[in-house]
Every structure is written in structure tokens, then in C-alpha cells.
Amino acid sequence: MTGGVSYSVTGGTLAHSLISQRFISAFERRLDGGLWAVTGHSRGVETPLTVRYPDVVVEPMSDALQQLSTEILAIIVEVLSPTTEQLDLGPKVSEYRGIASLQAYIAASQHQAKCHVWLRDAAGGMPEAPSGIAGGNSITIRALGLSISLA
């Protein structure tokens, strides 16, 4: 604190940054850039309760380039940290599940090749409990025709 002003710093470990960037790169390689925008933690996501800033956001490309946040998106990725894991696997789950356009919420571990994954089903529902995907397995998001390997 300097002169009575408090400074908040965002960031995380190198592992956190690398995992986020690898998801961004994987999505960019597999999705049509004319149809999809893939962004990092600076993109706001409007939930039914608040605005969140996930580590990775995949949303339809639009001409609303000056908008600070979106409520129409397809994928959210959060990289779990000791300080955010309870939030990422707790309150954020119900908030993110409330976004009608969301097809997948992925919570990725920093310490092992493992993700907690919530996928919207063909009937439009999203489960309360995640699937655990680990090791050399893949996350398949059928609605986008997309598969991401955890290897």
C-alpha cells in the first residue's frame, strides 16, 4: 500500500499461465476464427448474479468489439488455484450453469492432467456434478465439433 491507495494484482503461477495459454491455443487451432473469438482473463462474462473474468472464454464472433463483457458464449475454462478452487468448483458452477448458451465449463488442475468438466447435453441440460477427465483422455464438446486432448 502506497499513500493510502491499495493495489490489486492479478496473476498466477507459471503453470496457471501455461495451462490457460494452451487452452487458448488449442481452441484457436480447432475453431474457425471468423466464427469464434477466443480470449483470456480480461473478457467479462455476465452471469445471472455478477460479471466474472474466467481464464479462457470462447464466444461467437460478433461485430460488438467494443463490448466489455458477454452473456452469449460457448466455453469457459478456469484454471484451479489454491486460492480460487472452492469458488471455481462451488458458486461459479451454478452461475455458469445459468448461462443458456454455455456448452462447456472446464475447471483445469494445475497439479495434474485432470479437469472437472460440465457439458450441456442434447436436451439442453447441464449436470450439477462434473465429469472427471484425466491423463491422455480428451474433452469432447459435440455442439462445437471440438475435441481437446489433455496430453
N, C-alpha and C. Protein backbone atom coordinates (compact mmCIF):
# COMPACT_ATOMS: atom_id res chain seq x y z
N MET A 1 0.85 -1.17 0.00
CA MET A 1 0.00 0.00 0.00
C MET A 1 0.89 1.23 0.00
N THR A 2 0.59 2.16 -0.90
CA THR A 2 1.36 3.38 -1.03
C THR A 2 0.43 4.57 -0.92
N GLY A 3 0.70 5.48 0.01
CA GLY A 3 -0.09 6.70 0.12
C GLY A 3 -1.58 6.45 0.33
N GLY A 4 -1.94 5.39 1.05
CA GLY A 4 -3.34 5.12 1.32
C GLY A 4 -4.09 4.46 0.17
N VAL A 5 -3.41 4.15 -0.93
CA VAL A 5 -4.05 3.51 -2.07
C VAL A 5 -3.68 2.04 -2.09
N SER A 6 -4.67 1.19 -2.19
CA SER A 6 -4.45 -0.25 -2.24
C SER A 6 -4.38 -0.69 -3.69
N TYR A 7 -3.42 -1.54 -4.01
CA TYR A 7 -3.26 -2.06 -5.36
C TYR A 7 -3.59 -3.54 -5.39
N SER A 8 -4.40 -3.94 -6.34
CA SER A 8 -4.74 -5.34 -6.51
C SER A 8 -4.02 -5.86 -7.75
N VAL A 9 -3.36 -6.99 -7.62
CA VAL A 9 -2.60 -7.54 -8.73
C VAL A 9 -3.23 -8.86 -9.16
N THR A 10 -3.47 -8.99 -10.46
CA THR A 10 -3.95 -10.27 -10.97
C THR A 10 -2.75 -11.10 -11.37
N GLY A 11 -2.99 -12.36 -11.55
CA GLY A 11 -1.90 -13.21 -12.00
C GLY A 11 -1.94 -14.54 -11.31
N GLY A 12 -0.94 -15.33 -11.58
CA GLY A 12 -0.87 -16.65 -11.00
C GLY A 12 0.48 -17.25 -11.28
N THR A 13 0.58 -18.53 -11.04
CA THR A 13 1.83 -19.24 -11.24
C THR A 13 2.12 -19.39 -12.74
N LEU A 14 3.34 -19.78 -13.03
CA LEU A 14 3.69 -20.06 -14.42
C LEU A 14 2.83 -21.20 -14.95
N ALA A 15 2.58 -22.21 -14.13
CA ALA A 15 1.73 -23.34 -14.54
C ALA A 15 0.34 -22.83 -14.92
N HIS A 16 -0.22 -21.95 -14.11
CA HIS A 16 -1.55 -21.38 -14.38
C HIS A 16 -1.55 -20.67 -15.73
N SER A 17 -0.54 -19.85 -15.97
CA SER A 17 -0.46 -19.12 -17.24
C SER A 17 -0.29 -20.05 -18.42
N LEU A 18 0.54 -21.07 -18.29
CA LEU A 18 0.77 -22.00 -19.39
C LEU A 18 -0.48 -22.81 -19.73
N ILE A 19 -1.19 -23.26 -18.70
CA ILE A 19 -2.42 -24.03 -18.95
C ILE A 19 -3.45 -23.17 -19.65
N SER A 20 -3.64 -21.95 -19.17
CA SER A 20 -4.58 -21.03 -19.82
C SER A 20 -4.21 -20.82 -21.27
N GLN A 21 -2.93 -20.53 -21.51
CA GLN A 21 -2.48 -20.26 -22.87
C GLN A 21 -2.61 -21.48 -23.77
N ARG A 22 -2.38 -22.67 -23.23
CA ARG A 22 -2.51 -23.88 -24.05
C ARG A 22 -3.96 -24.15 -24.42
N PHE A 23 -4.88 -23.86 -23.52
CA PHE A 23 -6.30 -23.98 -23.89
C PHE A 23 -6.64 -22.97 -24.98
N ILE A 24 -6.18 -21.74 -24.82
CA ILE A 24 -6.44 -20.71 -25.84
C ILE A 24 -5.89 -21.16 -27.19
N SER A 25 -4.65 -21.63 -27.21
CA SER A 25 -4.03 -22.08 -28.46
C SER A 25 -4.78 -23.26 -29.07
N ALA A 26 -5.17 -24.22 -28.23
CA ALA A 26 -5.89 -25.40 -28.74
C ALA A 26 -7.22 -24.99 -29.35
N PHE A 27 -7.95 -24.11 -28.69
CA PHE A 27 -9.23 -23.66 -29.24
C PHE A 27 -9.02 -22.88 -30.53
N GLU A 28 -8.02 -22.01 -30.56
CA GLU A 28 -7.77 -21.22 -31.78
C GLU A 28 -7.40 -22.10 -32.96
N ARG A 29 -6.64 -23.18 -32.72
CA ARG A 29 -6.26 -24.09 -33.81
C ARG A 29 -7.45 -24.88 -34.35
N ARG A 30 -8.42 -25.17 -33.49
CA ARG A 30 -9.51 -26.06 -33.87
C ARG A 30 -10.80 -25.35 -34.28
N LEU A 31 -10.92 -24.07 -33.96
CA LEU A 31 -12.15 -23.34 -34.27
C LEU A 31 -11.90 -22.31 -35.36
N ASP A 32 -12.89 -22.05 -36.16
CA ASP A 32 -12.83 -21.05 -37.23
C ASP A 32 -12.81 -19.66 -36.60
N GLY A 33 -11.71 -18.92 -36.81
CA GLY A 33 -11.55 -17.59 -36.25
C GLY A 33 -12.55 -16.57 -36.77
N GLY A 34 -13.17 -16.87 -37.88
CA GLY A 34 -14.22 -15.99 -38.40
C GLY A 34 -15.53 -16.19 -37.67
N LEU A 35 -15.66 -17.34 -37.01
CA LEU A 35 -16.90 -17.66 -36.30
C LEU A 35 -16.77 -17.54 -34.78
N TRP A 36 -15.55 -17.75 -34.27
CA TRP A 36 -15.34 -17.81 -32.83
C TRP A 36 -14.24 -16.87 -32.37
N ALA A 37 -14.45 -16.22 -31.22
CA ALA A 37 -13.43 -15.40 -30.56
C ALA A 37 -12.97 -16.17 -29.32
N VAL A 38 -11.65 -16.32 -29.18
CA VAL A 38 -11.07 -17.00 -28.03
C VAL A 38 -10.24 -15.97 -27.28
N THR A 39 -10.60 -15.71 -26.02
CA THR A 39 -9.92 -14.68 -25.26
C THR A 39 -9.51 -15.19 -23.89
N GLY A 40 -8.70 -14.39 -23.21
CA GLY A 40 -8.21 -14.74 -21.88
C GLY A 40 -8.95 -14.02 -20.78
N HIS A 41 -8.29 -13.87 -19.66
CA HIS A 41 -8.90 -13.41 -18.42
C HIS A 41 -9.42 -11.97 -18.42
N SER A 42 -9.19 -11.23 -19.46
CA SER A 42 -9.68 -9.84 -19.48
C SER A 42 -11.10 -9.72 -20.03
N ARG A 43 -11.69 -10.82 -20.46
CA ARG A 43 -13.03 -10.80 -21.04
C ARG A 43 -14.07 -11.08 -19.95
N GLY A 44 -14.97 -10.15 -19.77
CA GLY A 44 -16.02 -10.30 -18.78
C GLY A 44 -17.12 -11.23 -19.26
N VAL A 45 -17.64 -12.03 -18.34
CA VAL A 45 -18.76 -12.93 -18.61
C VAL A 45 -19.89 -12.56 -17.65
N GLU A 46 -21.04 -12.23 -18.22
CA GLU A 46 -22.20 -11.87 -17.42
C GLU A 46 -22.92 -13.13 -16.98
N THR A 47 -22.96 -13.35 -15.67
CA THR A 47 -23.71 -14.46 -15.12
C THR A 47 -25.02 -13.90 -14.57
N PRO A 48 -25.93 -14.77 -14.14
CA PRO A 48 -27.18 -14.25 -13.56
C PRO A 48 -26.96 -13.37 -12.32
N LEU A 49 -25.78 -13.50 -11.66
CA LEU A 49 -25.54 -12.75 -10.42
C LEU A 49 -24.50 -11.64 -10.54
N THR A 50 -23.54 -11.77 -11.44
CA THR A 50 -22.42 -10.83 -11.46
C THR A 50 -21.69 -10.90 -12.79
N VAL A 51 -20.55 -10.25 -12.88
CA VAL A 51 -19.66 -10.38 -14.03
C VAL A 51 -18.40 -11.06 -13.53
N ARG A 52 -18.03 -12.15 -14.19
CA ARG A 52 -16.83 -12.92 -13.85
C ARG A 52 -15.79 -12.73 -14.95
N TYR A 53 -14.54 -13.01 -14.63
CA TYR A 53 -13.43 -12.92 -15.59
C TYR A 53 -12.69 -14.25 -15.62
N PRO A 54 -13.23 -15.24 -16.36
CA PRO A 54 -12.59 -16.55 -16.42
C PRO A 54 -11.23 -16.49 -17.11
N ASP A 55 -10.47 -17.57 -16.96
CA ASP A 55 -9.15 -17.64 -17.59
C ASP A 55 -9.24 -17.73 -19.10
N VAL A 56 -10.26 -18.43 -19.62
CA VAL A 56 -10.45 -18.58 -21.06
C VAL A 56 -11.94 -18.48 -21.37
N VAL A 57 -12.26 -17.75 -22.43
CA VAL A 57 -13.64 -17.60 -22.89
C VAL A 57 -13.67 -17.87 -24.39
N VAL A 58 -14.63 -18.70 -24.82
CA VAL A 58 -14.88 -18.91 -26.25
C VAL A 58 -16.30 -18.44 -26.51
N GLU A 59 -16.42 -17.47 -27.41
CA GLU A 59 -17.73 -16.91 -27.72
C GLU A 59 -17.87 -16.73 -29.23
N PRO A 60 -19.11 -16.65 -29.70
CA PRO A 60 -19.29 -16.39 -31.13
C PRO A 60 -18.70 -15.03 -31.50
N MET A 61 -18.04 -14.98 -32.64
CA MET A 61 -17.51 -13.71 -33.12
C MET A 61 -18.69 -12.81 -33.44
N SER A 62 -18.56 -11.54 -33.09
CA SER A 62 -19.64 -10.59 -33.38
C SER A 62 -19.02 -9.26 -33.77
N ASP A 63 -19.87 -8.34 -34.16
CA ASP A 63 -19.39 -7.01 -34.50
C ASP A 63 -19.41 -6.08 -33.29
N ALA A 64 -19.71 -6.61 -32.11
CA ALA A 64 -19.75 -5.82 -30.88
C ALA A 64 -18.37 -5.81 -30.22
N LEU A 65 -17.36 -5.39 -30.96
CA LEU A 65 -15.98 -5.45 -30.49
C LEU A 65 -15.69 -4.50 -29.33
N GLN A 66 -16.54 -3.52 -29.09
CA GLN A 66 -16.30 -2.57 -28.01
C GLN A 66 -17.00 -2.96 -26.71
N GLN A 67 -17.74 -4.06 -26.72
CA GLN A 67 -18.42 -4.51 -25.51
C GLN A 67 -17.40 -5.05 -24.50
N LEU A 68 -17.58 -4.73 -23.24
CA LEU A 68 -16.65 -5.15 -22.19
C LEU A 68 -16.93 -6.56 -21.67
N SER A 69 -18.15 -7.04 -21.90
CA SER A 69 -18.50 -8.37 -21.40
C SER A 69 -19.51 -9.01 -22.33
N THR A 70 -19.76 -10.28 -22.08
CA THR A 70 -20.71 -11.03 -22.91
C THR A 70 -21.56 -11.94 -22.04
N GLU A 71 -22.75 -12.22 -22.50
CA GLU A 71 -23.59 -13.23 -21.87
C GLU A 71 -23.90 -14.35 -22.85
N ILE A 72 -23.33 -14.24 -24.06
CA ILE A 72 -23.51 -15.26 -25.09
C ILE A 72 -22.15 -15.85 -25.39
N LEU A 73 -21.92 -17.07 -24.88
CA LEU A 73 -20.62 -17.71 -25.04
C LEU A 73 -20.81 -19.21 -25.06
N ALA A 74 -19.77 -19.92 -25.49
CA ALA A 74 -19.87 -21.37 -25.64
C ALA A 74 -19.04 -22.15 -24.62
N ILE A 75 -17.85 -21.63 -24.26
CA ILE A 75 -16.95 -22.37 -23.38
C ILE A 75 -16.31 -21.41 -22.38
N ILE A 76 -16.19 -21.88 -21.14
CA ILE A 76 -15.43 -21.19 -20.10
C ILE A 76 -14.42 -22.18 -19.55
N VAL A 77 -13.17 -21.71 -19.36
CA VAL A 77 -12.15 -22.51 -18.68
C VAL A 77 -11.64 -21.70 -17.49
N GLU A 78 -11.60 -22.33 -16.34
CA GLU A 78 -10.95 -21.78 -15.15
C GLU A 78 -9.81 -22.72 -14.79
N VAL A 79 -8.64 -22.16 -14.50
CA VAL A 79 -7.51 -22.95 -14.02
C VAL A 79 -7.54 -22.85 -12.50
N LEU A 80 -7.61 -24.01 -11.85
CA LEU A 80 -7.75 -24.05 -10.40
C LEU A 80 -6.48 -23.61 -9.70
N SER A 81 -6.66 -22.78 -8.69
CA SER A 81 -5.57 -22.31 -7.83
C SER A 81 -5.97 -22.58 -6.39
N PRO A 82 -5.01 -22.72 -5.49
CA PRO A 82 -5.38 -22.94 -4.09
C PRO A 82 -6.31 -21.85 -3.54
N THR A 83 -6.15 -20.63 -4.02
CA THR A 83 -6.97 -19.53 -3.51
C THR A 83 -8.33 -19.41 -4.19
N THR A 84 -8.52 -20.07 -5.33
CA THR A 84 -9.79 -19.93 -6.05
C THR A 84 -10.55 -21.24 -6.25
N GLU A 85 -9.95 -22.37 -5.89
CA GLU A 85 -10.55 -23.67 -6.20
C GLU A 85 -11.95 -23.82 -5.62
N GLN A 86 -12.17 -23.42 -4.36
CA GLN A 86 -13.50 -23.56 -3.77
C GLN A 86 -14.52 -22.71 -4.52
N LEU A 87 -14.13 -21.53 -4.97
CA LEU A 87 -15.02 -20.66 -5.73
C LEU A 87 -15.29 -21.24 -7.11
N ASP A 88 -14.21 -21.72 -7.78
CA ASP A 88 -14.33 -22.26 -9.14
C ASP A 88 -15.17 -23.54 -9.18
N LEU A 89 -15.12 -24.34 -8.13
CA LEU A 89 -15.87 -25.60 -8.07
C LEU A 89 -17.15 -25.47 -7.25
N GLY A 90 -17.42 -24.27 -6.75
CA GLY A 90 -18.59 -24.04 -5.93
C GLY A 90 -19.54 -23.03 -6.58
N PRO A 91 -19.57 -21.81 -6.07
CA PRO A 91 -20.53 -20.82 -6.56
C PRO A 91 -20.46 -20.53 -8.07
N LYS A 92 -19.27 -20.56 -8.64
CA LYS A 92 -19.17 -20.28 -10.08
C LYS A 92 -19.90 -21.33 -10.92
N VAL A 93 -19.91 -22.57 -10.45
CA VAL A 93 -20.58 -23.64 -11.21
C VAL A 93 -22.04 -23.29 -11.43
N SER A 94 -22.75 -22.94 -10.37
CA SER A 94 -24.17 -22.63 -10.53
C SER A 94 -24.37 -21.36 -11.36
N GLU A 95 -23.50 -20.38 -11.21
CA GLU A 95 -23.60 -19.17 -12.03
C GLU A 95 -23.39 -19.50 -13.50
N TYR A 96 -22.34 -20.24 -13.81
CA TYR A 96 -22.04 -20.57 -15.20
C TYR A 96 -23.12 -21.48 -15.79
N ARG A 97 -23.63 -22.43 -15.00
CA ARG A 97 -24.69 -23.31 -15.50
C ARG A 97 -25.94 -22.51 -15.87
N GLY A 98 -26.10 -21.32 -15.30
CA GLY A 98 -27.24 -20.47 -15.59
C GLY A 98 -27.14 -19.69 -16.89
N ILE A 99 -26.01 -19.81 -17.58
CA ILE A 99 -25.83 -19.12 -18.87
C ILE A 99 -26.34 -20.07 -19.96
N ALA A 100 -27.45 -19.71 -20.58
CA ALA A 100 -28.15 -20.61 -21.52
C ALA A 100 -27.28 -21.05 -22.70
N SER A 101 -26.41 -20.19 -23.18
CA SER A 101 -25.61 -20.51 -24.37
C SER A 101 -24.37 -21.34 -24.06
N LEU A 102 -24.00 -21.45 -22.78
CA LEU A 102 -22.77 -22.15 -22.40
C LEU A 102 -22.87 -23.63 -22.71
N GLN A 103 -21.91 -24.14 -23.47
CA GLN A 103 -21.87 -25.57 -23.82
C GLN A 103 -20.93 -26.37 -22.93
N ALA A 104 -19.89 -25.70 -22.39
CA ALA A 104 -18.92 -26.42 -21.55
C ALA A 104 -18.27 -25.48 -20.55
N TYR A 105 -18.18 -25.98 -19.32
CA TYR A 105 -17.38 -25.31 -18.29
C TYR A 105 -16.31 -26.30 -17.89
N ILE A 106 -15.05 -25.88 -18.01
CA ILE A 106 -13.90 -26.73 -17.72
C ILE A 106 -13.10 -26.09 -16.59
N ALA A 107 -12.88 -26.85 -15.51
CA ALA A 107 -12.04 -26.41 -14.40
C ALA A 107 -10.80 -27.30 -14.42
N ALA A 108 -9.67 -26.72 -14.78
CA ALA A 108 -8.44 -27.48 -15.01
C ALA A 108 -7.50 -27.40 -13.81
N SER A 109 -6.97 -28.55 -13.42
CA SER A 109 -6.00 -28.62 -12.33
C SER A 109 -4.64 -28.09 -12.80
N GLN A 110 -3.93 -27.44 -11.90
CA GLN A 110 -2.55 -27.02 -12.18
C GLN A 110 -1.56 -28.13 -11.87
N HIS A 111 -1.97 -29.08 -11.04
CA HIS A 111 -1.01 -30.03 -10.48
C HIS A 111 -1.02 -31.41 -11.13
N GLN A 112 -2.01 -31.66 -11.98
CA GLN A 112 -2.08 -32.94 -12.69
C GLN A 112 -2.91 -32.74 -13.95
N ALA A 113 -2.76 -33.65 -14.90
CA ALA A 113 -3.53 -33.57 -16.15
C ALA A 113 -4.94 -34.06 -15.86
N LYS A 114 -5.74 -33.19 -15.24
CA LYS A 114 -7.09 -33.55 -14.85
C LYS A 114 -7.98 -32.32 -14.93
N CYS A 115 -9.19 -32.52 -15.42
CA CYS A 115 -10.17 -31.44 -15.50
C CYS A 115 -11.51 -31.92 -14.96
N HIS A 116 -12.23 -31.00 -14.36
CA HIS A 116 -13.63 -31.20 -14.00
C HIS A 116 -14.41 -30.55 -15.13
N VAL A 117 -15.32 -31.31 -15.75
CA VAL A 117 -15.98 -30.81 -16.96
C VAL A 117 -17.50 -30.94 -16.84
N TRP A 118 -18.17 -29.85 -17.11
CA TRP A 118 -19.62 -29.82 -17.20
C TRP A 118 -19.96 -29.58 -18.67
N LEU A 119 -20.71 -30.49 -19.28
CA LEU A 119 -21.09 -30.38 -20.69
C LEU A 119 -22.61 -30.34 -20.82
N ARG A 120 -23.09 -29.39 -21.62
CA ARG A 120 -24.53 -29.33 -21.88
C ARG A 120 -24.91 -30.53 -22.75
N ASP A 121 -26.03 -31.19 -22.41
CA ASP A 121 -26.44 -32.37 -23.18
C ASP A 121 -27.35 -31.97 -24.34
N ALA A 122 -27.72 -32.95 -25.14
CA ALA A 122 -28.54 -32.70 -26.34
C ALA A 122 -29.90 -32.11 -26.00
N ALA A 123 -30.40 -32.39 -24.80
CA ALA A 123 -31.69 -31.85 -24.38
C ALA A 123 -31.57 -30.43 -23.81
N GLY A 124 -30.34 -29.92 -23.72
CA GLY A 124 -30.13 -28.56 -23.23
C GLY A 124 -29.81 -28.46 -21.76
N GLY A 125 -29.73 -29.60 -21.07
CA GLY A 125 -29.41 -29.58 -19.65
C GLY A 125 -27.92 -29.63 -19.39
N MET A 126 -27.52 -29.09 -18.25
CA MET A 126 -26.12 -29.17 -17.84
C MET A 126 -26.11 -29.81 -16.45
N PRO A 127 -25.31 -30.86 -16.26
CA PRO A 127 -25.34 -31.59 -14.99
C PRO A 127 -24.85 -30.72 -13.82
N GLU A 128 -25.31 -31.10 -12.64
CA GLU A 128 -24.84 -30.42 -11.43
C GLU A 128 -23.43 -30.87 -11.08
N ALA A 129 -23.14 -32.16 -11.31
CA ALA A 129 -21.83 -32.72 -11.00
C ALA A 129 -21.00 -32.85 -12.28
N PRO A 130 -19.69 -32.63 -12.16
CA PRO A 130 -18.84 -32.71 -13.35
C PRO A 130 -18.43 -34.13 -13.68
N SER A 131 -17.95 -34.28 -14.91
CA SER A 131 -17.23 -35.49 -15.30
C SER A 131 -15.78 -35.22 -15.01
N GLY A 132 -15.05 -36.23 -14.55
CA GLY A 132 -13.62 -36.09 -14.36
C GLY A 132 -12.91 -36.64 -15.58
N ILE A 133 -12.08 -35.83 -16.19
CA ILE A 133 -11.34 -36.26 -17.37
C ILE A 133 -9.86 -36.10 -17.05
N ALA A 134 -9.10 -37.17 -17.24
CA ALA A 134 -7.70 -37.15 -16.82
C ALA A 134 -6.78 -37.75 -17.86
N GLY A 135 -5.48 -37.54 -17.61
CA GLY A 135 -4.42 -38.15 -18.40
C GLY A 135 -4.48 -37.84 -19.87
N GLY A 136 -4.36 -38.88 -20.69
CA GLY A 136 -4.34 -38.71 -22.14
C GLY A 136 -5.72 -38.67 -22.76
N ASN A 137 -6.76 -38.58 -21.96
CA ASN A 137 -8.12 -38.52 -22.48
C ASN A 137 -8.41 -37.16 -23.10
N SER A 138 -9.54 -37.06 -23.75
CA SER A 138 -9.92 -35.82 -24.42
C SER A 138 -11.23 -35.28 -23.87
N ILE A 139 -11.37 -33.98 -23.99
CA ILE A 139 -12.64 -33.32 -23.70
C ILE A 139 -13.32 -33.11 -25.05
N THR A 140 -14.49 -33.68 -25.21
CA THR A 140 -15.22 -33.55 -26.47
C THR A 140 -16.45 -32.69 -26.24
N ILE A 141 -16.53 -31.61 -27.02
CA ILE A 141 -17.68 -30.70 -26.96
C ILE A 141 -18.40 -30.87 -28.29
N ARG A 142 -19.38 -31.76 -28.30
CA ARG A 142 -20.06 -32.15 -29.54
C ARG A 142 -20.76 -30.98 -30.22
N ALA A 143 -21.33 -30.06 -29.43
CA ALA A 143 -22.07 -28.93 -30.01
C ALA A 143 -21.17 -28.06 -30.89
N LEU A 144 -19.86 -28.09 -30.64
CA LEU A 144 -18.93 -27.30 -31.45
C LEU A 144 -18.08 -28.18 -32.35
N GLY A 145 -18.29 -29.50 -32.32
CA GLY A 145 -17.49 -30.42 -33.11
C GLY A 145 -16.02 -30.34 -32.73
N LEU A 146 -15.76 -30.31 -31.41
CA LEU A 146 -14.43 -30.00 -30.91
C LEU A 146 -13.96 -31.07 -29.92
N SER A 147 -12.70 -31.44 -30.01
CA SER A 147 -12.10 -32.37 -29.07
C SER A 147 -10.72 -31.84 -28.69
N ILE A 148 -10.46 -31.76 -27.38
CA ILE A 148 -9.18 -31.25 -26.86
C ILE A 148 -8.55 -32.33 -26.02
N SER A 149 -7.34 -32.75 -26.36
CA SER A 149 -6.62 -33.77 -25.62
C SER A 149 -5.95 -33.14 -24.40
N LEU A 150 -5.96 -33.86 -23.27
CA LEU A 150 -5.27 -33.38 -22.08
C LEU A 150 -3.80 -33.80 -22.06
N ALA A 151 -3.36 -34.56 -23.06
CA ALA A 151 -1.96 -35.00 -23.09
C ALA A 151 -1.02 -33.81 -23.17
